[in-house]
PDB file of all heavy atoms in Angstrom:
ATOM      1  N   ILE A   1      74.501  37.098   8.161  1.00  0.00           N
ATOM      2  CA  ILE A   1      74.970  35.729   7.857  1.00  0.00           C
ATOM      3  C   ILE A   1      74.176  34.689   8.647  1.00  0.00           C
ATOM      4  O   ILE A   1      73.768  33.654   8.114  1.00  0.00           O
ATOM      5  CB  ILE A   1      76.477  35.573   8.204  1.00  0.00           C
ATOM      6  CG1 ILE A   1      77.331  36.528   7.359  1.00  0.00           C
ATOM      7  CG2 ILE A   1      76.937  34.133   8.012  1.00  0.00           C
ATOM      8  CD1 ILE A   1      77.316  36.270   5.888  1.00  0.00           C
ATOM      9  N   ARG A   2      73.931  34.956   9.937  1.00  0.00           N
ATOM     10  CA  ARG A   2      73.224  33.996  10.787  1.00  0.00           C
ATOM     11  C   ARG A   2      71.801  33.751  10.262  1.00  0.00           C
ATOM     12  O   ARG A   2      71.290  32.638  10.315  1.00  0.00           O
ATOM     13  CB  ARG A   2      73.173  34.488  12.240  1.00  0.00           C
ATOM     14  CG  ARG A   2      74.508  34.874  12.819  1.00  0.00           C
ATOM     15  CD  ARG A   2      75.463  33.689  12.912  1.00  0.00           C
ATOM     16  NE  ARG A   2      75.258  32.876  14.091  1.00  0.00           N
ATOM     17  CZ  ARG A   2      75.789  31.666  14.265  1.00  0.00           C
ATOM     18  NH1 ARG A   2      76.547  31.137  13.323  1.00  0.00           N
ATOM     19  NH2 ARG A   2      75.558  30.985  15.366  1.00  0.00           N
ATOM     20  N   LEU A   3      71.194  34.820   9.752  1.00  0.00           N
ATOM     21  CA  LEU A   3      69.839  34.724   9.181  1.00  0.00           C
ATOM     22  C   LEU A   3      69.838  33.804   7.957  1.00  0.00           C
ATOM     23  O   LEU A   3      68.911  33.026   7.739  1.00  0.00           O
ATOM     24  CB  LEU A   3      69.384  36.134   8.786  1.00  0.00           C
ATOM     25  CG  LEU A   3      67.909  36.494   8.728  1.00  0.00           C
ATOM     26  CD1 LEU A   3      67.145  36.029   9.941  1.00  0.00           C
ATOM     27  CD2 LEU A   3      67.750  37.999   8.543  1.00  0.00           C
ATOM     28  N   ALA A   4      70.896  33.896   7.166  1.00  0.00           N
ATOM     29  CA  ALA A   4      71.016  33.066   5.959  1.00  0.00           C
ATOM     30  C   ALA A   4      71.299  31.601   6.311  1.00  0.00           C
ATOM     31  O   ALA A   4      70.895  30.687   5.586  1.00  0.00           O
ATOM     32  CB  ALA A   4      72.119  33.621   5.062  1.00  0.00           C
ATOM     33  N   GLU A   5      71.987  31.376   7.431  1.00  0.00           N
ATOM     34  CA  GLU A   5      72.366  30.007   7.820  1.00  0.00           C
ATOM     35  C   GLU A   5      71.206  29.220   8.428  1.00  0.00           C
ATOM     36  O   GLU A   5      71.102  28.010   8.233  1.00  0.00           O
ATOM     37  CB  GLU A   5      73.499  30.054   8.853  1.00  0.00           C
ATOM     38  CG  GLU A   5      74.841  30.470   8.305  1.00  0.00           C
ATOM     39  CD  GLU A   5      75.876  30.709   9.411  1.00  0.00           C
ATOM     40  OE1 GLU A   5      75.515  30.661  10.616  1.00  0.00           O
ATOM     41  OE2 GLU A   5      77.032  30.943   9.061  1.00  0.00           O
ATOM     42  N   ALA A   6      70.348  29.918   9.171  1.00  0.00           N
ATOM     43  CA  ALA A   6      69.330  29.237   9.984  1.00  0.00           C
ATOM     44  C   ALA A   6      68.457  28.232   9.215  1.00  0.00           C
ATOM     45  O   ALA A   6      68.229  27.124   9.705  1.00  0.00           O
ATOM     46  CB  ALA A   6      68.455  30.279  10.692  1.00  0.00           C
ATOM     47  N   PRO A   7      67.950  28.563   7.980  1.00  0.00           N
ATOM     48  CA  PRO A   7      67.059  27.613   7.300  1.00  0.00           C
ATOM     49  C   PRO A   7      67.689  26.248   7.041  1.00  0.00           C
ATOM     50  O   PRO A   7      66.990  25.237   7.039  1.00  0.00           O
ATOM     51  CB  PRO A   7      66.734  28.310   5.968  1.00  0.00           C
ATOM     52  CG  PRO A   7      67.020  29.744   6.206  1.00  0.00           C
ATOM     53  CD  PRO A   7      68.113  29.800   7.214  1.00  0.00           C
ATOM     54  N   SER A   8      69.011  26.206   6.841  1.00  0.00           N
ATOM     55  CA  SER A   8      69.648  24.913   6.555  1.00  0.00           C
ATOM     56  C   SER A   8      69.607  23.988   7.773  1.00  0.00           C
ATOM     57  O   SER A   8      69.779  22.781   7.660  1.00  0.00           O
ATOM     58  CB  SER A   8      71.088  25.109   6.074  1.00  0.00           C
ATOM     59  OG  SER A   8      71.853  25.728   7.080  1.00  0.00           O
ATOM     60  N   TYR A   9      69.338  24.568   8.950  1.00  0.00           N
ATOM     61  CA  TYR A   9      69.188  23.766  10.168  1.00  0.00           C
ATOM     62  C   TYR A   9      67.715  23.499  10.489  1.00  0.00           C
ATOM     63  O   TYR A   9      67.401  22.844  11.486  1.00  0.00           O
ATOM     64  CB  TYR A   9      69.873  24.472  11.350  1.00  0.00           C
ATOM     65  CG  TYR A   9      71.371  24.539  11.200  1.00  0.00           C
ATOM     66  CD1 TYR A   9      71.965  25.627  10.564  1.00  0.00           C
ATOM     67  CD2 TYR A   9      72.191  23.512  11.660  1.00  0.00           C
ATOM     68  CE1 TYR A   9      73.356  25.688  10.397  1.00  0.00           C
ATOM     69  CE2 TYR A   9      73.568  23.558  11.502  1.00  0.00           C
ATOM     70  CZ  TYR A   9      74.141  24.649  10.862  1.00  0.00           C
ATOM     71  OH  TYR A   9      75.497  24.698  10.697  1.00  0.00           O
ATOM     72  N   GLY A  10      66.813  24.046   9.655  1.00  0.00           N
ATOM     73  CA  GLY A  10      65.377  23.810   9.847  1.00  0.00           C
ATOM     74  C   GLY A  10      64.804  24.488  11.074  1.00  0.00           C
ATOM     75  O   GLY A  10      63.804  24.034  11.631  1.00  0.00           O
ATOM     76  N   ILE A  11      65.449  25.594  11.499  1.00  0.00           N
ATOM     77  CA  ILE A  11      64.923  26.340  12.650  1.00  0.00           C
ATOM     78  C   ILE A  11      64.978  27.848  12.352  1.00  0.00           C
ATOM     79  O   ILE A  11      65.831  28.296  11.588  1.00  0.00           O
ATOM     80  CB  ILE A  11      65.689  26.043  13.970  1.00  0.00           C
ATOM     81  CG1 ILE A  11      67.202  26.181  13.789  1.00  0.00           C
ATOM     82  CG2 ILE A  11      65.317  24.676  14.516  1.00  0.00           C
ATOM     83  CD1 ILE A  11      67.998  26.040  15.070  1.00  0.00           C
ATOM     84  N   PRO A  12      64.074  28.614  12.968  1.00  0.00           N
ATOM     85  CA  PRO A  12      64.086  30.066  12.769  1.00  0.00           C
ATOM     86  C   PRO A  12      65.257  30.723  13.502  1.00  0.00           C
ATOM     87  O   PRO A  12      65.861  30.115  14.394  1.00  0.00           O
ATOM     88  CB  PRO A  12      62.751  30.526  13.355  1.00  0.00           C
ATOM     89  CG  PRO A  12      62.341  29.447  14.293  1.00  0.00           C
ATOM     90  CD  PRO A  12      62.940  28.176  13.796  1.00  0.00           C
ATOM     91  N   ILE A  13      65.541  31.958  13.141  1.00  0.00           N
ATOM     92  CA  ILE A  13      66.693  32.669  13.690  1.00  0.00           C
ATOM     93  C   ILE A  13      66.591  32.860  15.208  1.00  0.00           C
ATOM     94  O   ILE A  13      67.596  32.823  15.904  1.00  0.00           O
ATOM     95  CB  ILE A  13      66.896  34.032  12.962  1.00  0.00           C
ATOM     96  CG1 ILE A  13      68.208  34.701  13.370  1.00  0.00           C
ATOM     97  CG2 ILE A  13      65.718  34.964  13.178  1.00  0.00           C
ATOM     98  CD1 ILE A  13      69.461  33.984  12.948  1.00  0.00           C
ATOM     99  N   CYS A  14      65.375  32.992  15.742  1.00  0.00           N
ATOM    100  CA  CYS A  14      65.246  33.225  17.190  1.00  0.00           C
ATOM    101  C   CYS A  14      65.641  31.992  18.000  1.00  0.00           C
ATOM    102  O   CYS A  14      65.889  32.089  19.204  1.00  0.00           O
ATOM    103  CB  CYS A  14      63.840  33.699  17.554  1.00  0.00           C
ATOM    104  SG  CYS A  14      62.554  32.509  17.186  1.00  0.00           S
ATOM    105  N   MET A  15      65.706  30.821  17.338  1.00  0.00           N
ATOM    106  CA  MET A  15      66.199  29.614  18.002  1.00  0.00           C
ATOM    107  C   MET A  15      67.670  29.348  17.639  1.00  0.00           C
ATOM    108  O   MET A  15      68.443  28.875  18.452  1.00  0.00           O
ATOM    109  CB  MET A  15      65.350  28.403  17.595  1.00  0.00           C
ATOM    110  CG  MET A  15      63.929  28.454  18.141  1.00  0.00           C
ATOM    111  SD  MET A  15      62.839  27.252  17.330  1.00  0.00           S
ATOM    112  CE  MET A  15      63.506  25.706  17.918  1.00  0.00           C
ATOM    113  N   TYR A  16      68.033  29.673  16.409  1.00  0.00           N
ATOM    114  CA  TYR A  16      69.395  29.394  15.918  1.00  0.00           C
ATOM    115  C   TYR A  16      70.413  30.335  16.553  1.00  0.00           C
ATOM    116  O   TYR A  16      71.480  29.914  17.000  1.00  0.00           O
ATOM    117  CB  TYR A  16      69.414  29.532  14.393  1.00  0.00           C
ATOM    118  CG  TYR A  16      70.756  29.292  13.766  1.00  0.00           C
ATOM    119  CD1 TYR A  16      71.362  28.035  13.812  1.00  0.00           C
ATOM    120  CD2 TYR A  16      71.431  30.326  13.110  1.00  0.00           C
ATOM    121  CE1 TYR A  16      72.604  27.818  13.227  1.00  0.00           C
ATOM    122  CE2 TYR A  16      72.668  30.115  12.520  1.00  0.00           C
ATOM    123  CZ  TYR A  16      73.245  28.862  12.584  1.00  0.00           C
ATOM    124  OH  TYR A  16      74.470  28.644  12.004  1.00  0.00           O
ATOM    125  N   ASP A  17      70.083  31.622  16.593  1.00  0.00           N
ATOM    126  CA  ASP A  17      70.977  32.610  17.217  1.00  0.00           C
ATOM    127  C   ASP A  17      70.121  33.745  17.788  1.00  0.00           C
ATOM    128  O   ASP A  17      69.947  34.784  17.157  1.00  0.00           O
ATOM    129  CB  ASP A  17      71.991  33.137  16.186  1.00  0.00           C
ATOM    130  CG  ASP A  17      73.071  33.990  16.838  1.00  0.00           C
ATOM    131  OD1 ASP A  17      72.918  34.342  18.028  1.00  0.00           O
ATOM    132  OD2 ASP A  17      74.070  34.310  16.165  1.00  0.00           O
ATOM    133  N   PRO A  18      69.574  33.527  18.998  1.00  0.00           N
ATOM    134  CA  PRO A  18      68.589  34.453  19.570  1.00  0.00           C
ATOM    135  C   PRO A  18      69.091  35.881  19.749  1.00  0.00           C
ATOM    136  O   PRO A  18      68.305  36.816  19.779  1.00  0.00           O
ATOM    137  CB  PRO A  18      68.256  33.845  20.937  1.00  0.00           C
ATOM    138  CG  PRO A  18      68.784  32.461  20.910  1.00  0.00           C
ATOM    139  CD  PRO A  18      69.860  32.401  19.884  1.00  0.00           C
ATOM    140  N   LYS A  19      70.419  36.049  19.834  1.00  0.00           N
ATOM    141  CA  LYS A  19      70.955  37.386  20.115  1.00  0.00           C
ATOM    142  C   LYS A  19      71.440  38.100  18.848  1.00  0.00           C
ATOM    143  O   LYS A  19      71.963  39.208  18.914  1.00  0.00           O
ATOM    144  CB  LYS A  19      72.099  37.288  21.127  1.00  0.00           C
ATOM    145  CG  LYS A  19      71.632  36.883  22.526  1.00  0.00           C
ATOM    146  CD  LYS A  19      72.750  37.015  23.543  1.00  0.00           C
ATOM    147  CE  LYS A  19      72.243  36.947  24.968  1.00  0.00           C
ATOM    148  NZ  LYS A  19      71.580  35.684  25.292  1.00  0.00           N
ATOM    149  N   SER A  20      71.276  37.455  17.694  1.00  0.00           N
ATOM    150  CA  SER A  20      71.783  38.054  16.452  1.00  0.00           C
ATOM    151  C   SER A  20      70.942  39.266  16.042  1.00  0.00           C
ATOM    152  O   SER A  20      69.794  39.439  16.476  1.00  0.00           O
ATOM    153  CB  SER A  20      71.757  37.021  15.315  1.00  0.00           C
ATOM    154  OG  SER A  20      70.416  36.679  15.019  1.00  0.00           O
ATOM    155  N   ALA A  21      71.516  40.083  15.168  1.00  0.00           N
ATOM    156  CA  ALA A  21      70.805  41.270  14.665  1.00  0.00           C
ATOM    157  C   ALA A  21      69.538  40.866  13.916  1.00  0.00           C
ATOM    158  O   ALA A  21      68.500  41.529  13.998  1.00  0.00           O
ATOM    159  CB  ALA A  21      71.728  42.070  13.750  1.00  0.00           C
ATOM    160  N   GLY A  22      69.603  39.734  13.196  1.00  0.00           N
ATOM    161  CA  GLY A  22      68.431  39.253  12.444  1.00  0.00           C
ATOM    162  C   GLY A  22      67.283  38.867  13.369  1.00  0.00           C
ATOM    163  O   GLY A  22      66.125  39.188  13.110  1.00  0.00           O
ATOM    164  N   ALA A  23      67.619  38.186  14.467  1.00  0.00           N
ATOM    165  CA  ALA A  23      66.585  37.776  15.437  1.00  0.00           C
ATOM    166  C   ALA A  23      65.926  39.002  16.061  1.00  0.00           C
ATOM    167  O   ALA A  23      64.697  39.068  16.190  1.00  0.00           O
ATOM    168  CB  ALA A  23      67.198  36.889  16.521  1.00  0.00           C
ATOM    169  N   GLU A  24      66.742  39.984  16.428  1.00  0.00           N
ATOM    170  CA  GLU A  24      66.208  41.215  17.026  1.00  0.00           C
ATOM    171  C   GLU A  24      65.287  41.942  16.049  1.00  0.00           C
ATOM    172  O   GLU A  24      64.230  42.453  16.426  1.00  0.00           O
ATOM    173  CB  GLU A  24      67.357  42.154  17.440  1.00  0.00           C
ATOM    174  CG  GLU A  24      67.910  41.873  18.824  1.00  0.00           C
ATOM    175  CD  GLU A  24      66.820  41.778  19.893  1.00  0.00           C
ATOM    176  OE1 GLU A  24      66.047  42.734  20.062  1.00  0.00           O
ATOM    177  OE2 GLU A  24      66.726  40.719  20.546  1.00  0.00           O
ATOM    178  N   ALA A  25      65.711  41.993  14.788  1.00  0.00           N
ATOM    179  CA  ALA A  25      64.917  42.703  13.775  1.00  0.00           C
ATOM    180  C   ALA A  25      63.537  42.058  13.614  1.00  0.00           C
ATOM    181  O   ALA A  25      62.523  42.763  13.563  1.00  0.00           O
ATOM    182  CB  ALA A  25      65.662  42.707  12.432  1.00  0.00           C
ATOM    183  N   TYR A  26      63.485  40.728  13.560  1.00  0.00           N
ATOM    184  CA  TYR A  26      62.179  40.072  13.384  1.00  0.00           C
ATOM    185  C   TYR A  26      61.304  40.190  14.633  1.00  0.00           C
ATOM    186  O   TYR A  26      60.081  40.253  14.530  1.00  0.00           O
ATOM    187  CB  TYR A  26      62.354  38.616  12.923  1.00  0.00           C
ATOM    188  CG  TYR A  26      62.517  38.553  11.424  1.00  0.00           C
ATOM    189  CD1 TYR A  26      63.728  38.232  10.836  1.00  0.00           C
ATOM    190  CD2 TYR A  26      61.444  38.877  10.577  1.00  0.00           C
ATOM    191  CE1 TYR A  26      63.880  38.214   9.447  1.00  0.00           C
ATOM    192  CE2 TYR A  26      61.594  38.854   9.196  1.00  0.00           C
ATOM    193  CZ  TYR A  26      62.805  38.532   8.639  1.00  0.00           C
ATOM    194  OH  TYR A  26      62.942  38.536   7.275  1.00  0.00           O
ATOM    195  N   ARG A  27      61.943  40.258  15.810  1.00  0.00           N
ATOM    196  CA  ARG A  27      61.151  40.526  17.030  1.00  0.00           C
ATOM    197  C   ARG A  27      60.527  41.921  16.958  1.00  0.00           C
ATOM    198  O   ARG A  27      59.368  42.118  17.325  1.00  0.00           O
ATOM    199  CB  ARG A  27      62.039  40.427  18.272  1.00  0.00           C
ATOM    200  CG  ARG A  27      62.367  39.003  18.660  1.00  0.00           C
ATOM    201  CD  ARG A  27      63.052  38.925  20.019  1.00  0.00           C
ATOM    202  NE  ARG A  27      63.596  37.590  20.191  1.00  0.00           N
ATOM    203  CZ  ARG A  27      64.887  37.289  20.098  1.00  0.00           C
ATOM    204  NH1 ARG A  27      65.780  38.234  19.873  1.00  0.00           N
ATOM    205  NH2 ARG A  27      65.297  36.047  20.267  1.00  0.00           N
ATOM    206  N   ASN A  28      61.314  42.886  16.470  1.00  0.00           N
ATOM    207  CA  ASN A  28      60.798  44.256  16.336  1.00  0.00           C
ATOM    208  C   ASN A  28      59.662  44.323  15.318  1.00  0.00           C
ATOM    209  O   ASN A  28      58.667  45.022  15.517  1.00  0.00           O
ATOM    210  CB  ASN A  28      61.923  45.215  15.924  1.00  0.00           C
ATOM    211  CG  ASN A  28      62.961  45.382  17.015  1.00  0.00           C
ATOM    212  OD1 ASN A  28      62.684  45.118  18.189  1.00  0.00           O
ATOM    213  ND2 ASN A  28      64.162  45.809  16.651  1.00  0.00           N
ATOM    214  N   LEU A  29      59.812  43.582  14.217  1.00  0.00           N
ATOM    215  CA  LEU A  29      58.757  43.551  13.198  1.00  0.00           C
ATOM    216  C   LEU A  29      57.480  42.937  13.788  1.00  0.00           C
ATOM    217  O   LEU A  29      56.366  43.434  13.546  1.00  0.00           O
ATOM    218  CB  LEU A  29      59.229  42.757  11.971  1.00  0.00           C
ATOM    219  CG  LEU A  29      58.226  42.670  10.807  1.00  0.00           C
ATOM    220  CD1 LEU A  29      57.908  44.058  10.244  1.00  0.00           C
ATOM    221  CD2 LEU A  29      58.766  41.758   9.702  1.00  0.00           C
TER     222      LEU A  29
END
């Protein structure tokens, strides 16, 4: 959900919710 929300704020997930599963996944990628 956090990954889906972030674009509406104009920021990437690592800034919107740095500890979310989505942020961790993109760091791993």
